[in-house]
Amino acid sequence: MKKEIPYITLDWVSTPKTNDNIFKFEAATTIIKNKETGLFLAIEFIKNEFWLIWWSVDEWENKDFTIIREVEEETGYKNGEIKKIIFQKAYSRWYKARKDREEECCDKVFFVEVEEKNKSKAKWQDFWTVKLHWFTKEEMLDKLILTHHKFYFEEFLKSN
């Protein structure tokens, strides 16, 4: 029997910014697997700090369509295929020292597969991304630095 996780619910909900010094936002996170190699993708956000690919989602965006667009923008892989939704809604909260505020994220987590034949030659790379890395599942568990990203990846592995 699959373990129930109490903070997971079923739908996207608009997440407002608040005036109590807590910034609330929606985000999408992807676990990206290369179909040919079986390796998983992480970004090196800061030197030796590896994260899953994620971004905040604007209220006006079609959330599920945004996944494929962002995967292409962040990685250069066109026509990524959403294989599974890992979490419909997962909350995480932290204190961001450089902005002197708490942040609360409502995250939707996807599993996406990509193929080398669909990789574009010129890849747009956002301001924060240092480098893309492909890892085995064991390496991903070792390398992911954010607790909630590691949790998402562990739950993905349990479900496959």
N, C-alpha and C. Protein backbone atom coordinates (compact mmCIF):
# COMPACT_ATOMS: atom_id res chain seq x y z
N MET A 1 0.84 -1.18 0.00
CA MET A 1 0.00 0.00 0.00
C MET A 1 0.89 1.25 0.00
N LYS A 2 0.57 2.20 -0.89
CA LYS A 2 1.36 3.42 -1.00
C LYS A 2 1.12 4.32 0.20
N LYS A 3 2.21 4.87 0.72
CA LYS A 3 2.17 5.76 1.87
C LYS A 3 1.44 7.05 1.50
N GLU A 4 0.51 7.49 2.32
CA GLU A 4 -0.21 8.75 2.11
C GLU A 4 0.65 9.90 2.64
N ILE A 5 0.75 10.95 1.84
CA ILE A 5 1.50 12.13 2.25
C ILE A 5 0.49 13.26 2.43
N PRO A 6 0.33 13.77 3.66
CA PRO A 6 -0.79 14.64 3.98
C PRO A 6 -0.85 15.97 3.23
N TYR A 7 0.26 16.53 2.78
CA TYR A 7 0.18 17.84 2.17
C TYR A 7 0.03 17.79 0.65
N ILE A 8 -0.25 16.65 0.10
CA ILE A 8 -0.47 16.53 -1.33
C ILE A 8 -1.98 16.60 -1.59
N THR A 9 -2.38 17.48 -2.51
CA THR A 9 -3.80 17.59 -2.88
C THR A 9 -3.92 17.46 -4.39
N LEU A 10 -5.08 17.77 -4.94
CA LEU A 10 -5.33 17.42 -6.32
C LEU A 10 -5.25 18.52 -7.36
N ASP A 11 -5.41 19.78 -7.03
CA ASP A 11 -5.51 20.81 -8.05
C ASP A 11 -4.56 21.96 -7.84
N TRP A 12 -4.28 22.67 -8.95
CA TRP A 12 -3.55 23.93 -8.85
C TRP A 12 -4.47 24.93 -8.18
N VAL A 13 -3.92 25.77 -7.37
CA VAL A 13 -4.68 26.84 -6.74
C VAL A 13 -3.87 28.11 -6.90
N SER A 14 -4.54 29.21 -7.18
CA SER A 14 -3.82 30.47 -7.29
C SER A 14 -3.18 30.78 -5.94
N THR A 15 -1.91 31.08 -5.95
CA THR A 15 -1.18 31.31 -4.71
C THR A 15 -0.78 32.78 -4.65
N PRO A 16 -1.44 33.56 -3.81
CA PRO A 16 -1.19 35.01 -3.81
C PRO A 16 0.07 35.39 -3.07
N LYS A 17 0.58 36.56 -3.43
CA LYS A 17 1.65 37.18 -2.65
C LYS A 17 0.98 37.82 -1.44
N THR A 18 1.60 37.74 -0.28
CA THR A 18 0.98 38.28 0.92
C THR A 18 1.74 39.49 1.42
N ASN A 19 1.12 40.22 2.32
CA ASN A 19 1.77 41.40 2.89
C ASN A 19 2.33 41.11 4.28
N ASP A 20 2.41 39.86 4.68
CA ASP A 20 2.96 39.51 6.00
C ASP A 20 4.41 39.04 5.90
N ASN A 21 5.11 39.52 4.87
CA ASN A 21 6.52 39.21 4.65
C ASN A 21 6.75 37.74 4.28
N ILE A 22 5.70 37.06 3.83
CA ILE A 22 5.83 35.71 3.29
C ILE A 22 5.44 35.78 1.83
N PHE A 23 6.36 35.48 0.96
CA PHE A 23 6.12 35.51 -0.48
C PHE A 23 5.64 34.12 -0.90
N LYS A 24 4.42 34.04 -1.42
CA LYS A 24 3.85 32.76 -1.82
C LYS A 24 3.78 32.70 -3.34
N PHE A 25 4.18 31.56 -3.89
CA PHE A 25 4.14 31.43 -5.34
C PHE A 25 3.96 29.97 -5.75
N GLU A 26 3.50 29.80 -7.00
CA GLU A 26 3.37 28.48 -7.60
C GLU A 26 4.62 28.18 -8.41
N ALA A 27 4.98 26.91 -8.45
CA ALA A 27 6.14 26.51 -9.23
C ALA A 27 5.87 25.15 -9.87
N ALA A 28 6.69 24.84 -10.85
CA ALA A 28 6.67 23.52 -11.47
C ALA A 28 8.09 22.99 -11.43
N THR A 29 8.22 21.72 -11.09
CA THR A 29 9.52 21.06 -11.03
C THR A 29 9.45 19.83 -11.94
N THR A 30 10.56 19.55 -12.62
CA THR A 30 10.58 18.38 -13.49
C THR A 30 11.74 17.45 -13.16
N ILE A 31 11.42 16.19 -13.17
CA ILE A 31 12.43 15.15 -13.14
C ILE A 31 12.56 14.74 -14.61
N ILE A 32 13.72 15.00 -15.19
CA ILE A 32 13.92 14.79 -16.63
C ILE A 32 14.84 13.60 -16.84
N LYS A 33 14.36 12.66 -17.65
CA LYS A 33 15.14 11.46 -17.96
C LYS A 33 15.39 11.39 -19.46
N ASN A 34 16.61 11.04 -19.83
CA ASN A 34 16.97 10.84 -21.22
C ASN A 34 16.53 9.43 -21.61
N LYS A 35 15.64 9.33 -22.62
CA LYS A 35 15.12 8.02 -23.04
C LYS A 35 16.22 7.06 -23.48
N GLU A 36 17.22 7.57 -24.19
CA GLU A 36 18.26 6.69 -24.73
C GLU A 36 19.25 6.22 -23.67
N THR A 37 19.67 7.11 -22.80
CA THR A 37 20.73 6.78 -21.85
C THR A 37 20.22 6.32 -20.49
N GLY A 38 18.98 6.69 -20.15
CA GLY A 38 18.45 6.36 -18.83
C GLY A 38 18.97 7.28 -17.73
N LEU A 39 19.72 8.33 -18.10
CA LEU A 39 20.28 9.26 -17.12
C LEU A 39 19.29 10.38 -16.81
N PHE A 40 19.48 11.02 -15.65
CA PHE A 40 18.60 12.08 -15.18
C PHE A 40 19.33 13.42 -15.20
N LEU A 41 18.58 14.49 -15.46
CA LEU A 41 19.16 15.81 -15.64
C LEU A 41 19.05 16.66 -14.38
N ALA A 42 20.14 17.34 -14.06
CA ALA A 42 20.15 18.31 -12.96
C ALA A 42 20.91 19.54 -13.45
N ILE A 43 20.60 20.70 -12.87
CA ILE A 43 21.37 21.89 -13.18
C ILE A 43 22.32 22.17 -12.03
N GLU A 44 23.46 22.65 -12.39
CA GLU A 44 24.42 23.10 -11.38
C GLU A 44 24.11 24.58 -11.17
N PHE A 45 23.31 24.84 -10.15
CA PHE A 45 22.81 26.19 -9.90
C PHE A 45 23.92 27.10 -9.43
N ILE A 46 24.66 26.64 -8.47
CA ILE A 46 25.86 27.30 -7.95
C ILE A 46 26.92 26.21 -7.98
N LYS A 47 28.18 26.55 -8.02
CA LYS A 47 29.23 25.54 -8.12
C LYS A 47 29.01 24.39 -7.13
N ASN A 48 28.87 23.19 -7.65
CA ASN A 48 28.65 21.96 -6.88
C ASN A 48 27.33 21.92 -6.12
N GLU A 49 26.35 22.72 -6.52
CA GLU A 49 24.99 22.63 -5.97
C GLU A 49 24.05 22.25 -7.10
N PHE A 50 23.49 21.04 -7.02
CA PHE A 50 22.67 20.51 -8.10
C PHE A 50 21.20 20.51 -7.72
N TRP A 51 20.37 20.97 -8.64
CA TRP A 51 18.93 21.07 -8.45
C TRP A 51 18.23 20.38 -9.62
N LEU A 52 16.95 20.02 -9.38
CA LEU A 52 16.08 19.64 -10.48
C LEU A 52 15.73 20.92 -11.25
N ILE A 53 15.26 20.76 -12.48
CA ILE A 53 14.81 21.92 -13.27
C ILE A 53 13.47 22.38 -12.70
N TRP A 54 13.37 23.67 -12.36
CA TRP A 54 12.12 24.20 -11.82
C TRP A 54 12.01 25.68 -12.19
N TRP A 55 10.82 26.22 -12.05
CA TRP A 55 10.56 27.64 -12.33
C TRP A 55 9.25 28.03 -11.68
N SER A 56 9.09 29.31 -11.46
CA SER A 56 7.80 29.79 -10.93
C SER A 56 6.84 29.92 -12.11
N VAL A 57 5.56 29.75 -11.81
CA VAL A 57 4.52 29.76 -12.84
C VAL A 57 3.65 30.99 -12.65
N ASP A 58 3.45 31.74 -13.72
CA ASP A 58 2.59 32.91 -13.66
C ASP A 58 1.12 32.49 -13.69
N GLU A 59 0.26 33.29 -13.06
CA GLU A 59 -1.17 32.97 -12.97
C GLU A 59 -1.81 32.77 -14.34
N TRP A 60 -1.40 33.54 -15.34
CA TRP A 60 -2.03 33.50 -16.65
C TRP A 60 -1.61 32.29 -17.47
N GLU A 61 -0.58 31.56 -17.05
CA GLU A 61 -0.06 30.46 -17.85
C GLU A 61 -0.88 29.18 -17.70
N ASN A 62 -0.96 28.43 -18.78
CA ASN A 62 -1.49 27.08 -18.74
C ASN A 62 -0.40 26.23 -18.09
N LYS A 63 -0.64 25.77 -16.87
CA LYS A 63 0.41 25.14 -16.07
C LYS A 63 1.05 23.94 -16.75
N ASP A 64 0.23 23.05 -17.30
CA ASP A 64 0.80 21.84 -17.89
C ASP A 64 1.56 22.13 -19.18
N PHE A 65 1.06 23.06 -20.00
CA PHE A 65 1.77 23.43 -21.22
C PHE A 65 3.11 24.09 -20.88
N THR A 66 3.13 24.84 -19.81
CA THR A 66 4.34 25.55 -19.38
C THR A 66 5.50 24.58 -19.18
N ILE A 67 5.20 23.36 -18.75
CA ILE A 67 6.24 22.37 -18.48
C ILE A 67 7.10 22.15 -19.74
N ILE A 68 6.46 21.85 -20.85
CA ILE A 68 7.19 21.54 -22.07
C ILE A 68 7.95 22.76 -22.56
N ARG A 69 7.33 23.93 -22.50
CA ARG A 69 8.01 25.16 -22.93
C ARG A 69 9.25 25.42 -22.08
N GLU A 70 9.10 25.30 -20.77
CA GLU A 70 10.22 25.57 -19.87
C GLU A 70 11.33 24.53 -20.01
N VAL A 71 10.96 23.26 -20.20
CA VAL A 71 11.99 22.23 -20.40
C VAL A 71 12.82 22.61 -21.62
N GLU A 72 12.17 23.05 -22.69
CA GLU A 72 12.92 23.45 -23.88
C GLU A 72 13.79 24.67 -23.59
N GLU A 73 13.23 25.68 -22.93
CA GLU A 73 14.00 26.88 -22.63
C GLU A 73 15.19 26.60 -21.72
N GLU A 74 14.99 25.78 -20.71
CA GLU A 74 16.04 25.53 -19.72
C GLU A 74 17.09 24.54 -20.22
N THR A 75 16.69 23.59 -21.07
CA THR A 75 17.61 22.51 -21.43
C THR A 75 17.93 22.41 -22.92
N GLY A 76 17.07 22.98 -23.76
CA GLY A 76 17.24 22.85 -25.20
C GLY A 76 16.56 21.62 -25.78
N TYR A 77 15.95 20.79 -24.97
CA TYR A 77 15.26 19.59 -25.47
C TYR A 77 13.84 19.94 -25.89
N LYS A 78 13.56 19.77 -27.19
CA LYS A 78 12.23 20.06 -27.73
C LYS A 78 11.35 18.83 -27.61
N ASN A 79 10.07 19.04 -27.54
CA ASN A 79 9.08 17.95 -27.54
C ASN A 79 9.27 16.97 -26.40
N GLY A 80 9.66 17.47 -25.23
CA GLY A 80 9.70 16.61 -24.06
C GLY A 80 8.31 16.02 -23.85
N GLU A 81 8.26 14.83 -23.31
CA GLU A 81 6.97 14.16 -23.12
C GLU A 81 6.69 13.98 -21.63
N ILE A 82 5.58 14.57 -21.17
CA ILE A 82 5.17 14.38 -19.77
C ILE A 82 4.69 12.95 -19.63
N LYS A 83 5.38 12.18 -18.81
CA LYS A 83 5.04 10.77 -18.62
C LYS A 83 4.16 10.56 -17.39
N LYS A 84 4.32 11.45 -16.40
CA LYS A 84 3.63 11.21 -15.13
C LYS A 84 3.67 12.49 -14.30
N ILE A 85 2.64 12.69 -13.51
CA ILE A 85 2.66 13.74 -12.50
C ILE A 85 3.00 13.06 -11.18
N ILE A 86 4.10 13.48 -10.58
CA ILE A 86 4.55 12.88 -9.33
C ILE A 86 3.74 13.44 -8.16
N PHE A 87 3.61 14.76 -8.12
CA PHE A 87 2.78 15.43 -7.11
C PHE A 87 1.93 16.49 -7.79
N GLN A 88 0.66 16.52 -7.45
CA GLN A 88 -0.22 17.59 -7.94
C GLN A 88 0.08 18.89 -7.19
N LYS A 89 0.34 18.74 -5.90
CA LYS A 89 0.61 19.93 -5.09
C LYS A 89 1.48 19.52 -3.92
N ALA A 90 2.62 20.15 -3.80
CA ALA A 90 3.51 19.90 -2.67
C ALA A 90 4.00 21.25 -2.16
N TYR A 91 3.96 21.43 -0.87
CA TYR A 91 4.38 22.70 -0.29
C TYR A 91 5.79 22.60 0.27
N SER A 92 6.53 23.69 0.10
CA SER A 92 7.81 23.81 0.78
C SER A 92 7.91 25.26 1.25
N ARG A 93 8.64 25.46 2.33
CA ARG A 93 8.77 26.80 2.90
C ARG A 93 10.19 26.96 3.42
N TRP A 94 10.77 28.14 3.23
CA TRP A 94 12.13 28.40 3.66
C TRP A 94 12.31 29.89 3.91
N TYR A 95 13.41 30.22 4.50
CA TYR A 95 13.77 31.62 4.71
C TYR A 95 14.86 32.00 3.72
N LYS A 96 14.64 33.06 2.96
CA LYS A 96 15.62 33.52 1.99
C LYS A 96 16.35 34.72 2.58
N ALA A 97 17.56 34.46 3.05
CA ALA A 97 18.34 35.47 3.77
C ALA A 97 18.63 36.70 2.92
N ARG A 98 18.99 36.50 1.66
CA ARG A 98 19.36 37.66 0.84
C ARG A 98 18.19 38.59 0.56
N LYS A 99 16.96 38.08 0.72
CA LYS A 99 15.78 38.93 0.53
C LYS A 99 15.07 39.23 1.85
N ASP A 100 15.61 38.67 2.95
CA ASP A 100 15.06 38.91 4.28
C ASP A 100 13.55 38.63 4.34
N ARG A 101 13.17 37.44 3.86
CA ARG A 101 11.75 37.07 3.90
C ARG A 101 11.60 35.56 3.85
N GLU A 102 10.43 35.12 4.28
CA GLU A 102 10.08 33.71 4.13
C GLU A 102 9.41 33.53 2.78
N GLU A 103 9.61 32.36 2.20
CA GLU A 103 8.96 32.04 0.94
C GLU A 103 8.26 30.70 1.09
N GLU A 104 7.07 30.63 0.50
CA GLU A 104 6.28 29.40 0.51
C GLU A 104 5.93 29.05 -0.92
N CYS A 105 6.25 27.84 -1.29
CA CYS A 105 6.05 27.40 -2.67
C CYS A 105 5.02 26.27 -2.73
N CYS A 106 4.09 26.40 -3.66
CA CYS A 106 3.16 25.33 -3.99
C CYS A 106 3.66 24.75 -5.31
N ASP A 107 4.14 23.53 -5.28
CA ASP A 107 4.85 22.94 -6.41
C ASP A 107 4.05 21.81 -7.04
N LYS A 108 4.08 21.74 -8.36
CA LYS A 108 3.55 20.59 -9.09
C LYS A 108 4.77 19.91 -9.71
N VAL A 109 4.91 18.60 -9.52
CA VAL A 109 6.13 17.90 -9.91
C VAL A 109 5.83 16.89 -11.01
N PHE A 110 6.57 17.00 -12.11
CA PHE A 110 6.37 16.17 -13.30
C PHE A 110 7.57 15.30 -13.58
N PHE A 111 7.30 14.16 -14.23
CA PHE A 111 8.35 13.33 -14.81
C PHE A 111 8.25 13.50 -16.31
N VAL A 112 9.35 13.93 -16.94
CA VAL A 112 9.39 14.21 -18.37
C VAL A 112 10.54 13.42 -19.00
N GLU A 113 10.26 12.82 -20.17
CA GLU A 113 11.32 12.15 -20.92
C GLU A 113 11.69 12.99 -22.14
N VAL A 114 12.99 13.01 -22.44
CA VAL A 114 13.49 13.73 -23.61
C VAL A 114 14.33 12.78 -24.46
N GLU A 115 14.53 13.16 -25.72
CA GLU A 115 15.36 12.36 -26.62
C GLU A 115 16.42 13.24 -27.25
N GLU A 116 17.60 12.67 -27.47
CA GLU A 116 18.71 13.42 -28.06
C GLU A 116 18.36 13.98 -29.44
N LYS A 117 17.56 13.23 -30.20
CA LYS A 117 17.22 13.70 -31.56
C LYS A 117 16.40 14.99 -31.52
N ASN A 118 15.81 15.29 -30.37
CA ASN A 118 15.01 16.50 -30.24
C ASN A 118 15.75 17.63 -29.53
N LYS A 119 17.05 17.52 -29.42
CA LYS A 119 17.86 18.57 -28.77
C LYS A 119 18.17 19.64 -29.80
N SER A 120 17.89 20.89 -29.43
CA SER A 120 18.20 21.98 -30.35
C SER A 120 19.68 22.33 -30.25
N LYS A 121 20.23 22.84 -31.34
CA LYS A 121 21.65 23.18 -31.36
C LYS A 121 21.94 24.39 -30.49
N ALA A 122 21.12 25.41 -30.60
CA ALA A 122 21.31 26.62 -29.81
C ALA A 122 20.34 26.59 -28.64
N LYS A 123 20.87 26.48 -27.47
CA LYS A 123 20.03 26.39 -26.27
C LYS A 123 20.02 27.72 -25.54
N TRP A 124 18.83 28.20 -25.23
CA TRP A 124 18.70 29.37 -24.38
C TRP A 124 19.02 28.91 -22.96
N GLN A 125 19.77 29.69 -22.23
CA GLN A 125 20.14 29.32 -20.87
C GLN A 125 19.80 30.49 -19.97
N ASP A 126 19.00 30.23 -18.94
CA ASP A 126 18.60 31.36 -18.11
C ASP A 126 19.76 31.86 -17.26
N PHE A 127 19.55 33.00 -16.67
CA PHE A 127 20.57 33.73 -15.93
C PHE A 127 21.22 32.88 -14.83
N TRP A 128 20.43 32.03 -14.17
CA TRP A 128 20.92 31.30 -13.00
C TRP A 128 21.64 30.01 -13.33
N THR A 129 21.32 29.41 -14.47
CA THR A 129 21.87 28.11 -14.78
C THR A 129 23.36 28.19 -15.07
N VAL A 130 24.13 27.38 -14.39
CA VAL A 130 25.56 27.31 -14.65
C VAL A 130 25.83 26.25 -15.71
N LYS A 131 25.38 25.02 -15.45
CA LYS A 131 25.67 23.92 -16.36
C LYS A 131 24.67 22.79 -16.15
N LEU A 132 24.35 22.09 -17.23
CA LEU A 132 23.49 20.92 -17.16
C LEU A 132 24.34 19.68 -16.96
N HIS A 133 23.87 18.75 -16.12
CA HIS A 133 24.60 17.50 -15.85
C HIS A 133 23.64 16.32 -15.94
N TRP A 134 24.12 15.22 -16.49
CA TRP A 134 23.36 13.97 -16.52
C TRP A 134 23.94 13.02 -15.48
N PHE A 135 23.03 12.44 -14.66
CA PHE A 135 23.47 11.55 -13.58
C PHE A 135 22.65 10.26 -13.58
N THR A 136 23.23 9.21 -13.02
CA THR A 136 22.46 7.99 -12.73
C THR A 136 21.53 8.31 -11.57
N LYS A 137 20.56 7.43 -11.31
CA LYS A 137 19.65 7.69 -10.19
C LYS A 137 20.40 7.72 -8.86
N GLU A 138 21.42 6.87 -8.71
CA GLU A 138 22.19 6.86 -7.47
C GLU A 138 22.96 8.18 -7.30
N GLU A 139 23.53 8.66 -8.39
CA GLU A 139 24.24 9.94 -8.33
C GLU A 139 23.29 11.09 -8.02
N MET A 140 22.09 11.05 -8.60
CA MET A 140 21.10 12.11 -8.33
C MET A 140 20.79 12.17 -6.84
N LEU A 141 20.58 11.01 -6.22
CA LEU A 141 20.29 10.98 -4.78
C LEU A 141 21.42 11.57 -3.97
N ASP A 142 22.63 11.37 -4.44
CA ASP A 142 23.80 11.90 -3.75
C ASP A 142 24.01 13.39 -4.03
N LYS A 143 23.71 13.84 -5.25
CA LYS A 143 24.05 15.19 -5.68
C LYS A 143 23.02 16.26 -5.35
N LEU A 144 21.72 15.91 -5.37
CA LEU A 144 20.70 16.94 -5.17
C LEU A 144 20.86 17.60 -3.80
N ILE A 145 20.92 18.91 -3.79
CA ILE A 145 21.23 19.64 -2.56
C ILE A 145 19.96 20.11 -1.82
N LEU A 146 18.90 20.44 -2.57
CA LEU A 146 17.68 20.93 -1.93
C LEU A 146 16.89 19.75 -1.37
N THR A 147 16.51 19.85 -0.12
CA THR A 147 15.81 18.75 0.55
C THR A 147 14.55 18.35 -0.18
N HIS A 148 13.75 19.34 -0.60
CA HIS A 148 12.49 18.99 -1.27
C HIS A 148 12.75 18.40 -2.65
N HIS A 149 13.79 18.78 -3.36
CA HIS A 149 14.10 18.15 -4.65
C HIS A 149 14.53 16.69 -4.45
N LYS A 150 15.32 16.45 -3.43
CA LYS A 150 15.73 15.08 -3.12
C LYS A 150 14.50 14.23 -2.76
N PHE A 151 13.60 14.80 -1.97
CA PHE A 151 12.35 14.11 -1.60
C PHE A 151 11.54 13.78 -2.85
N TYR A 152 11.37 14.74 -3.76
CA TYR A 152 10.62 14.50 -5.00
C TYR A 152 11.24 13.35 -5.78
N PHE A 153 12.56 13.35 -5.88
CA PHE A 153 13.24 12.31 -6.65
C PHE A 153 13.09 10.95 -5.97
N GLU A 154 13.20 10.90 -4.67
CA GLU A 154 13.00 9.64 -3.94
C GLU A 154 11.59 9.10 -4.15
N GLU A 155 10.60 9.97 -4.07
CA GLU A 155 9.21 9.54 -4.28
C GLU A 155 8.99 9.07 -5.72
N PHE A 156 9.62 9.73 -6.67
CA PHE A 156 9.55 9.29 -8.07
C PHE A 156 10.11 7.87 -8.20
N LEU A 157 11.28 7.62 -7.58
CA LEU A 157 11.89 6.30 -7.67
C LEU A 157 11.00 5.23 -7.04
N LYS A 158 10.35 5.55 -5.93
CA LYS A 158 9.45 4.58 -5.27
C LYS A 158 8.27 4.24 -6.15
N SER A 159 7.82 5.20 -6.98
CA SER A 159 6.63 5.00 -7.79
C SER A 159 6.93 4.31 -9.12
N ASN A 160 8.20 4.06 -9.41
CA ASN A 160 8.57 3.42 -10.68
C ASN A 160 9.18 2.06 -10.48
